[in-house]
Amino acid sequence: MNTRKFFHILFIIFFTLSTGAFSQSIPNSYRLLYQQDFSKEAALEEFETTDKASWKISNQTLEIHQAGNYKPKVRSPFNIAVLKNMRFGSFILEADLQQTGKEYGHRDLCLFFGMENPSNFYYTHIASKPDAHAHNIFLVNDEPRVAIGQWVNEGIDWGKTNKWHKVRVERDIDSGSIKIFFDDMENPIMIAKDLHFDYGHIGFGTFDDIGRFDNIKIWGPDYAPKQDSFFP
């Protein structure tokens, strides 16, 4: 066993003891709050996007097919589709992701959560290689994004542009626990703990790449309705 793997195991054991029992099952107090398989074109109406021209329903998936015309106030991802009318606190999110762009270090797709407004939210940037601005859990809090991952693996392999991957996000707003899983639903690729935001929108997108999202499911104890527009 190499040194990095050994410390990974030790960290997960410590994190599990400090934040509660680690389980891949859905807690009894959770229920399915939202699901979408994009089998109908009307599914796009459930999302508010940074640029409508960049998003479409393609082959029964939600697709970001080109860079959008959006400039955030602080340095953060440019291409986002936010689930409207629902704000989630603690939740478990599962979705299928397909990255359709070229291979390079920052080749990414992103999942957003705790979104209060366009300058205050969390997101996970899942990319081929980690560095200060890639492959981590990030906090956007009225200033350029900051990596908050307490443990992050060495990156992931998106593979060919037609390959799908299962991604899972677990968030608990009481403990601040955030865990990200990629294909392997037993061992997280990222772990963080942060209490800046509680209830917020969930979104899908990329910093500046392209890709597809499908088979979205969100479980949680409850959600808060929200009717206002998210982006100005």
C-alpha atoms as a PDB file:
ATOM      1  CA  MET A   1       0.000   0.000   0.000  1.00  0.00           C
ATOM      2  CA  ASN A   2       1.494   3.369  -0.977  1.00  0.00           C
ATOM      3  CA  THR A   3       1.771   6.251   1.485  1.00  0.00           C
ATOM      4  CA  ARG A   4      -0.979   8.360  -0.125  1.00  0.00           C
ATOM      5  CA  LYS A   5      -3.458   5.484  -0.032  1.00  0.00           C
ATOM      6  CA  PHE A   6      -2.602   4.800   3.623  1.00  0.00           C
ATOM      7  CA  PHE A   7      -3.254   8.404   4.656  1.00  0.00           C
ATOM      8  CA  HIS A   8      -6.441   8.427   2.533  1.00  0.00           C
ATOM      9  CA  ILE A   9      -7.799   5.510   4.568  1.00  0.00           C
ATOM     10  CA  LEU A  10      -6.760   7.103   7.862  1.00  0.00           C
ATOM     11  CA  PHE A  11      -8.418  10.396   6.891  1.00  0.00           C
ATOM     12  CA  ILE A  12     -11.702   8.744   5.896  1.00  0.00           C
ATOM     13  CA  ILE A  13     -11.787   6.861   9.221  1.00  0.00           C
ATOM     14  CA  PHE A  14     -11.166  10.099  11.153  1.00  0.00           C
ATOM     15  CA  PHE A  15     -13.708  12.054   9.088  1.00  0.00           C
ATOM     16  CA  THR A  16     -16.328   9.333   9.531  1.00  0.00           C
ATOM     17  CA  LEU A  17     -15.917   9.316  13.315  1.00  0.00           C
ATOM     18  CA  SER A  18     -16.134  13.110  13.509  1.00  0.00           C
ATOM     19  CA  THR A  19     -19.157  13.620  11.219  1.00  0.00           C
ATOM     20  CA  GLY A  20     -21.287  10.522  11.761  1.00  0.00           C
ATOM     21  CA  ALA A  21     -21.603   7.016  10.408  1.00  0.00           C
ATOM     22  CA  PHE A  22     -20.535   6.581   6.803  1.00  0.00           C
ATOM     23  CA  SER A  23     -23.246   4.925   4.725  1.00  0.00           C
ATOM     24  CA  GLN A  24     -24.100   4.689   1.046  1.00  0.00           C
ATOM     25  CA  SER A  25     -27.747   3.951   1.815  1.00  0.00           C
ATOM     26  CA  ILE A  26     -30.422   6.633   1.810  1.00  0.00           C
ATOM     27  CA  PRO A  27     -31.255   7.661   5.407  1.00  0.00           C
ATOM     28  CA  ASN A  28     -34.727   6.729   6.632  1.00  0.00           C
ATOM     29  CA  SER A  29     -35.496  10.409   7.178  1.00  0.00           C
ATOM     30  CA  TYR A  30     -34.808  11.194   3.492  1.00  0.00           C
ATOM     31  CA  ARG A  31     -37.281  10.938   0.643  1.00  0.00           C
ATOM     32  CA  LEU A  32     -36.938  11.365  -3.095  1.00  0.00           C
ATOM     33  CA  LEU A  33     -37.509  15.094  -3.657  1.00  0.00           C
ATOM     34  CA  TYR A  34     -36.649  15.408  -7.349  1.00  0.00           C
ATOM     35  CA  GLN A  35     -35.823  13.219 -10.331  1.00  0.00           C
ATOM     36  CA  GLN A  36     -35.369  13.905 -14.017  1.00  0.00           C
ATOM     37  CA  ASP A  37     -34.381  11.698 -16.973  1.00  0.00           C
ATOM     38  CA  PHE A  38     -34.844  14.378 -19.668  1.00  0.00           C
ATOM     39  CA  SER A  39     -37.108  12.152 -21.732  1.00  0.00           C
ATOM     40  CA  LYS A  40     -39.173  15.240 -22.635  1.00  0.00           C
ATOM     41  CA  GLU A  41     -38.046  18.547 -24.126  1.00  0.00           C
ATOM     42  CA  ALA A  42     -40.070  20.406 -21.495  1.00  0.00           C
ATOM     43  CA  ALA A  43     -37.581  19.269 -18.839  1.00  0.00           C
ATOM     44  CA  LEU A  44     -35.348  22.201 -19.796  1.00  0.00           C
ATOM     45  CA  GLU A  45     -38.008  24.568 -18.417  1.00  0.00           C
ATOM     46  CA  GLU A  46     -37.206  23.325 -14.912  1.00  0.00           C
ATOM     47  CA  PHE A  47     -33.777  24.983 -15.120  1.00  0.00           C
ATOM     48  CA  GLU A  48     -32.533  28.551 -15.269  1.00  0.00           C
ATOM     49  CA  THR A  49     -29.253  28.872 -17.156  1.00  0.00           C
ATOM     50  CA  THR A  50     -26.452  31.386 -17.462  1.00  0.00           C
ATOM     51  CA  ASP A  51     -27.001  31.434 -21.236  1.00  0.00           C
ATOM     52  CA  LYS A  52     -29.991  29.747 -22.900  1.00  0.00           C
ATOM     53  CA  ALA A  53     -28.106  29.398 -26.204  1.00  0.00           C
ATOM     54  CA  SER A  54     -25.591  27.037 -24.593  1.00  0.00           C
ATOM     55  CA  TRP A  55     -28.049  24.501 -23.155  1.00  0.00           C
ATOM     56  CA  LYS A  56     -30.406  22.041 -24.824  1.00  0.00           C
ATOM     57  CA  ILE A  57     -32.082  18.658 -24.446  1.00  0.00           C
ATOM     58  CA  SER A  58     -30.117  16.292 -26.680  1.00  0.00           C
ATOM     59  CA  ASN A  59     -30.716  12.531 -26.953  1.00  0.00           C
ATOM     60  CA  GLN A  60     -32.753  12.716 -23.746  1.00  0.00           C
ATOM     61  CA  THR A  61     -29.958  14.368 -21.770  1.00  0.00           C
ATOM     62  CA  LEU A  62     -29.275  17.881 -20.502  1.00  0.00           C
ATOM     63  CA  GLU A  63     -26.380  19.139 -22.632  1.00  0.00           C
ATOM     64  CA  ILE A  64     -24.065  22.121 -22.401  1.00  0.00           C
ATOM     65  CA  HIS A  65     -22.786  22.220 -25.990  1.00  0.00           C
ATOM     66  CA  GLN A  66     -20.924  25.526 -26.183  1.00  0.00           C
ATOM     67  CA  ALA A  67     -19.433  28.189 -23.930  1.00  0.00           C
ATOM     68  CA  GLY A  68     -22.003  30.666 -22.698  1.00  0.00           C
ATOM     69  CA  ASN A  69     -22.023  34.450 -22.705  1.00  0.00           C
ATOM     70  CA  TYR A  70     -21.908  34.975 -18.944  1.00  0.00           C
ATOM     71  CA  LYS A  71     -19.415  36.808 -16.762  1.00  0.00           C
ATOM     72  CA  PRO A  72     -19.801  36.280 -13.009  1.00  0.00           C
ATOM     73  CA  LYS A  73     -18.992  39.129 -10.631  1.00  0.00           C
ATOM     74  CA  VAL A  74     -16.286  36.999  -8.984  1.00  0.00           C
ATOM     75  CA  ARG A  75     -14.104  34.321 -10.553  1.00  0.00           C
ATOM     76  CA  SER A  76     -16.262  31.180 -10.724  1.00  0.00           C
ATOM     77  CA  PRO A  77     -17.721  28.830 -13.380  1.00  0.00           C
ATOM     78  CA  PHE A  78     -19.275  30.372 -16.488  1.00  0.00           C
ATOM     79  CA  ASN A  79     -21.788  27.695 -17.510  1.00  0.00           C
ATOM     80  CA  ILE A  80     -24.518  26.761 -15.030  1.00  0.00           C
ATOM     81  CA  ALA A  81     -28.035  25.308 -15.198  1.00  0.00           C
ATOM     82  CA  VAL A  82     -29.784  25.874 -11.856  1.00  0.00           C
ATOM     83  CA  LEU A  83     -32.778  23.808 -10.786  1.00  0.00           C
ATOM     84  CA  LYS A  84     -35.503  26.391 -10.288  1.00  0.00           C
ATOM     85  CA  ASN A  85     -38.115  26.671  -7.540  1.00  0.00           C
ATOM     86  CA  MET A  86     -36.378  24.293  -5.094  1.00  0.00           C
ATOM     87  CA  ARG A  87     -33.708  24.948  -2.453  1.00  0.00           C
ATOM     88  CA  PHE A  88     -32.150  22.010  -0.631  1.00  0.00           C
ATOM     89  CA  GLY A  89     -30.463  21.752   2.763  1.00  0.00           C
ATOM     90  CA  SER A  90     -29.048  18.334   3.587  1.00  0.00           C
ATOM     91  CA  PHE A  91     -29.289  16.087   0.533  1.00  0.00           C
ATOM     92  CA  ILE A  92     -27.907  13.200  -1.480  1.00  0.00           C
ATOM     93  CA  LEU A  93     -27.594  13.829  -5.210  1.00  0.00           C
ATOM     94  CA  GLU A  94     -26.909  11.191  -7.832  1.00  0.00           C
ATOM     95  CA  ALA A  95     -26.514  11.853 -11.554  1.00  0.00           C
ATOM     96  CA  ASP A  96     -24.879  10.467 -14.689  1.00  0.00           C
ATOM     97  CA  LEU A  97     -22.209  12.710 -16.218  1.00  0.00           C
ATOM     98  CA  GLN A  98     -20.543  12.582 -19.629  1.00  0.00           C
ATOM     99  CA  GLN A  99     -17.664  14.923 -20.492  1.00  0.00           C
ATOM    100  CA  THR A 100     -17.630  15.521 -24.251  1.00  0.00           C
ATOM    101  CA  GLY A 101     -14.610  17.798 -24.595  1.00  0.00           C
ATOM    102  CA  LYS A 102     -10.924  17.270 -25.240  1.00  0.00           C
ATOM    103  CA  GLU A 103      -8.539  15.836 -22.668  1.00  0.00           C
ATOM    104  CA  TYR A 104      -6.404  18.274 -20.649  1.00  0.00           C
ATOM    105  CA  GLY A 105      -5.661  18.887 -16.969  1.00  0.00           C
ATOM    106  CA  HIS A 106      -8.740  21.005 -16.272  1.00  0.00           C
ATOM    107  CA  ARG A 107     -11.177  18.884 -18.315  1.00  0.00           C
ATOM    108  CA  ASP A 108     -14.194  19.172 -16.055  1.00  0.00           C
ATOM    109  CA  LEU A 109     -17.834  19.026 -15.198  1.00  0.00           C
ATOM    110  CA  CYS A 110     -19.254  20.718 -12.112  1.00  0.00           C
ATOM    111  CA  LEU A 111     -22.063  20.209  -9.622  1.00  0.00           C
ATOM    112  CA  PHE A 112     -23.307  23.201  -7.642  1.00  0.00           C
ATOM    113  CA  PHE A 113     -25.126  23.331  -4.294  1.00  0.00           C
ATOM    114  CA  GLY A 114     -25.975  25.632  -1.412  1.00  0.00           C
ATOM    115  CA  MET A 115     -26.514  28.305  -4.070  1.00  0.00           C
ATOM    116  CA  GLU A 116     -27.874  31.456  -2.412  1.00  0.00           C
ATOM    117  CA  ASN A 117     -27.117  33.786  -5.328  1.00  0.00           C
ATOM    118  CA  PRO A 118     -24.613  34.017  -8.212  1.00  0.00           C
ATOM    119  CA  SER A 119     -21.797  35.056  -5.845  1.00  0.00           C
ATOM    120  CA  ASN A 120     -22.455  32.755  -2.884  1.00  0.00           C
ATOM    121  CA  PHE A 121     -22.397  28.977  -3.339  1.00  0.00           C
ATOM    122  CA  TYR A 122     -20.398  25.749  -3.312  1.00  0.00           C
ATOM    123  CA  TYR A 123     -19.400  23.644  -6.284  1.00  0.00           C
ATOM    124  CA  THR A 124     -17.350  20.567  -6.974  1.00  0.00           C
ATOM    125  CA  HIS A 125     -15.030  20.807  -9.967  1.00  0.00           C
ATOM    126  CA  ILE A 126     -14.372  17.225 -11.117  1.00  0.00           C
ATOM    127  CA  ALA A 127     -11.340  17.206 -13.398  1.00  0.00           C
ATOM    128  CA  SER A 128      -8.478  15.111 -14.730  1.00  0.00           C
ATOM    129  CA  LYS A 129      -5.786  16.642 -12.504  1.00  0.00           C
ATOM    130  CA  PRO A 130      -5.943  18.585  -9.229  1.00  0.00           C
ATOM    131  CA  ASP A 131      -4.273  21.953  -8.692  1.00  0.00           C
ATOM    132  CA  ALA A 132      -5.144  25.206  -6.938  1.00  0.00           C
ATOM    133  CA  HIS A 133      -8.098  25.808  -9.273  1.00  0.00           C
ATOM    134  CA  ALA A 134      -9.137  22.343 -10.432  1.00  0.00           C
ATOM    135  CA  HIS A 135     -10.533  19.079  -9.077  1.00  0.00           C
ATOM    136  CA  ASN A 136     -11.671  20.192  -5.649  1.00  0.00           C
ATOM    137  CA  ILE A 137     -14.643  21.406  -3.664  1.00  0.00           C
ATOM    138  CA  PHE A 138     -14.832  25.190  -3.927  1.00  0.00           C
ATOM    139  CA  LEU A 139     -16.439  27.984  -1.923  1.00  0.00           C
ATOM    140  CA  VAL A 140     -17.598  31.137  -3.711  1.00  0.00           C
ATOM    141  CA  ASN A 141     -18.341  33.754  -1.055  1.00  0.00           C
ATOM    142  CA  ASP A 142     -18.352  37.237  -2.619  1.00  0.00           C
ATOM    143  CA  GLU A 143     -14.791  36.675  -3.793  1.00  0.00           C
ATOM    144  CA  PRO A 144     -12.978  34.408  -6.278  1.00  0.00           C
ATOM    145  CA  ARG A 145     -13.476  30.701  -5.593  1.00  0.00           C
ATOM    146  CA  VAL A 146     -11.400  29.083  -2.870  1.00  0.00           C
ATOM    147  CA  ALA A 147     -10.640  25.356  -2.623  1.00  0.00           C
ATOM    148  CA  ILE A 148     -11.928  23.893   0.664  1.00  0.00           C
ATOM    149  CA  GLY A 149     -11.327  20.174   0.138  1.00  0.00           C
ATOM    150  CA  GLN A 150      -9.774  18.549   3.213  1.00  0.00           C
ATOM    151  CA  TRP A 151      -8.838  15.517   1.156  1.00  0.00           C
ATOM    152  CA  VAL A 152      -8.855  15.219  -2.646  1.00  0.00           C
ATOM    153  CA  ASN A 153      -7.687  12.304  -4.779  1.00  0.00           C
ATOM    154  CA  GLU A 154      -5.238  12.511  -7.691  1.00  0.00           C
ATOM    155  CA  GLY A 155      -7.882  13.243 -10.335  1.00  0.00           C
ATOM    156  CA  ILE A 156     -10.242  11.161 -12.440  1.00  0.00           C
ATOM    157  CA  ASP A 157     -10.317   9.631 -15.907  1.00  0.00           C
ATOM    158  CA  TRP A 158     -13.244  10.963 -17.959  1.00  0.00           C
ATOM    159  CA  GLY A 159     -12.289   8.587 -20.769  1.00  0.00           C
ATOM    160  CA  LYS A 160     -13.763   8.813 -24.245  1.00  0.00           C
ATOM    161  CA  THR A 161     -16.385  11.434 -25.013  1.00  0.00           C
ATOM    162  CA  ASN A 162     -19.184   8.838 -25.101  1.00  0.00           C
ATOM    163  CA  LYS A 163     -18.440   7.386 -21.656  1.00  0.00           C
ATOM    164  CA  TRP A 164     -20.889   7.935 -18.787  1.00  0.00           C
ATOM    165  CA  HIS A 165     -19.943   8.163 -15.116  1.00  0.00           C
ATOM    166  CA  LYS A 166     -22.031   7.960 -11.954  1.00  0.00           C
ATOM    167  CA  VAL A 167     -21.470  10.838  -9.533  1.00  0.00           C
ATOM    168  CA  ARG A 168     -22.850  11.223  -6.029  1.00  0.00           C
ATOM    169  CA  VAL A 169     -22.803  14.252  -3.712  1.00  0.00           C
ATOM    170  CA  GLU A 170     -23.618  13.906  -0.008  1.00  0.00           C
ATOM    171  CA  ARG A 171     -24.135  17.055   2.038  1.00  0.00           C
ATOM    172  CA  ASP A 172     -25.159  17.523   5.666  1.00  0.00           C
ATOM    173  CA  ILE A 173     -25.829  21.119   6.689  1.00  0.00           C
ATOM    174  CA  ASP A 174     -25.685  20.387  10.425  1.00  0.00           C
ATOM    175  CA  SER A 175     -22.161  18.942  10.464  1.00  0.00           C
ATOM    176  CA  GLY A 176     -20.972  20.736   7.306  1.00  0.00           C
ATOM    177  CA  SER A 177     -19.912  17.427   5.773  1.00  0.00           C
ATOM    178  CA  ILE A 178     -19.512  17.304   1.967  1.00  0.00           C
ATOM    179  CA  LYS A 179     -18.482  14.110   0.147  1.00  0.00           C
ATOM    180  CA  ILE A 180     -18.091  13.574  -3.599  1.00  0.00           C
ATOM    181  CA  PHE A 181     -18.066  10.121  -5.245  1.00  0.00           C
ATOM    182  CA  PHE A 182     -17.123   9.201  -8.817  1.00  0.00           C
ATOM    183  CA  ASP A 183     -18.077   5.739 -10.152  1.00  0.00           C
ATOM    184  CA  ASP A 184     -16.913   4.104  -6.903  1.00  0.00           C
ATOM    185  CA  MET A 185     -19.771   4.707  -4.459  1.00  0.00           C
ATOM    186  CA  GLU A 186     -17.813   3.455  -1.450  1.00  0.00           C
ATOM    187  CA  ASN A 187     -14.724   5.675  -1.502  1.00  0.00           C
ATOM    188  CA  PRO A 188     -15.094   9.438  -1.979  1.00  0.00           C
ATOM    189  CA  ILE A 189     -12.785  11.357  -4.300  1.00  0.00           C
ATOM    190  CA  MET A 190     -13.215  14.562  -2.274  1.00  0.00           C
ATOM    191  CA  ILE A 191     -14.121  15.404   1.305  1.00  0.00           C
ATOM    192  CA  ALA A 192     -14.754  18.818   2.883  1.00  0.00           C
ATOM    193  CA  LYS A 193     -16.404  20.384   5.892  1.00  0.00           C
ATOM    194  CA  ASP A 194     -17.884  23.880   5.734  1.00  0.00           C
ATOM    195  CA  LEU A 195     -20.795  25.763   7.316  1.00  0.00           C
ATOM    196  CA  HIS A 196     -21.009  28.965   5.269  1.00  0.00           C
ATOM    197  CA  PHE A 197     -24.335  28.180   3.570  1.00  0.00           C
ATOM    198  CA  ASP A 198     -27.319  26.005   4.403  1.00  0.00           C
ATOM    199  CA  TYR A 199     -30.360  25.876   2.069  1.00  0.00           C
ATOM    200  CA  GLY A 200     -29.669  26.700  -1.540  1.00  0.00           C
ATOM    201  CA  HIS A 201     -30.249  25.738  -5.144  1.00  0.00           C
ATOM    202  CA  ILE A 202     -28.589  22.801  -6.870  1.00  0.00           C
ATOM    203  CA  GLY A 203     -27.079  23.224 -10.320  1.00  0.00           C
ATOM    204  CA  PHE A 204     -25.135  21.491 -13.092  1.00  0.00           C
ATOM    205  CA  GLY A 205     -22.501  22.757 -15.476  1.00  0.00           C
ATOM    206  CA  THR A 206     -18.819  23.303 -16.167  1.00  0.00           C
ATOM    207  CA  PHE A 207     -16.228  26.000 -15.788  1.00  0.00           C
ATOM    208  CA  ASP A 208     -15.552  26.338 -19.514  1.00  0.00           C
ATOM    209  CA  ASP A 209     -16.034  22.895 -21.089  1.00  0.00           C
ATOM    210  CA  ILE A 210     -18.920  20.889 -22.565  1.00  0.00           C
ATOM    211  CA  GLY A 211     -20.801  17.773 -21.484  1.00  0.00           C
ATOM    212  CA  ARG A 212     -24.076  16.050 -20.637  1.00  0.00           C
ATOM    213  CA  PHE A 213     -26.104  15.273 -17.512  1.00  0.00           C
ATOM    214  CA  ASP A 214     -28.781  12.625 -17.043  1.00  0.00           C
ATOM    215  CA  ASN A 215     -30.767  10.536 -14.543  1.00  0.00           C
ATOM    216  CA  ILE A 216     -30.755  13.128 -11.777  1.00  0.00           C
ATOM    217  CA  LYS A 217     -32.095  12.083  -8.376  1.00  0.00           C
ATOM    218  CA  ILE A 218     -32.103  14.171  -5.212  1.00  0.00           C
ATOM    219  CA  TRP A 219     -33.054  12.820  -1.788  1.00  0.00           C
ATOM    220  CA  GLY A 220     -33.382  14.823   1.403  1.00  0.00           C
ATOM    221  CA  PRO A 221     -35.524  15.384   4.482  1.00  0.00           C
ATOM    222  CA  ASP A 222     -37.188  18.433   2.901  1.00  0.00           C
ATOM    223  CA  TYR A 223     -36.741  21.359   0.555  1.00  0.00           C
ATOM    224  CA  ALA A 224     -37.683  25.032   0.534  1.00  0.00           C
ATOM    225  CA  PRO A 225     -39.639  26.454  -2.417  1.00  0.00           C
ATOM    226  CA  LYS A 226     -38.242  29.457  -4.227  1.00  0.00           C
ATOM    227  CA  GLN A 227     -39.890  31.353  -7.087  1.00  0.00           C
ATOM    228  CA  ASP A 228     -37.563  34.272  -7.821  1.00  0.00           C
ATOM    229  CA  SER A 229     -35.144  34.342 -10.731  1.00  0.00           C
ATOM    230  CA  PHE A 230     -31.664  33.190  -9.713  1.00  0.00           C
ATOM    231  CA  PHE A 231     -29.510  35.040 -12.261  1.00  0.00           C
ATOM    232  CA  PRO A 232     -29.905  38.790 -12.784  1.00  0.00           C
END
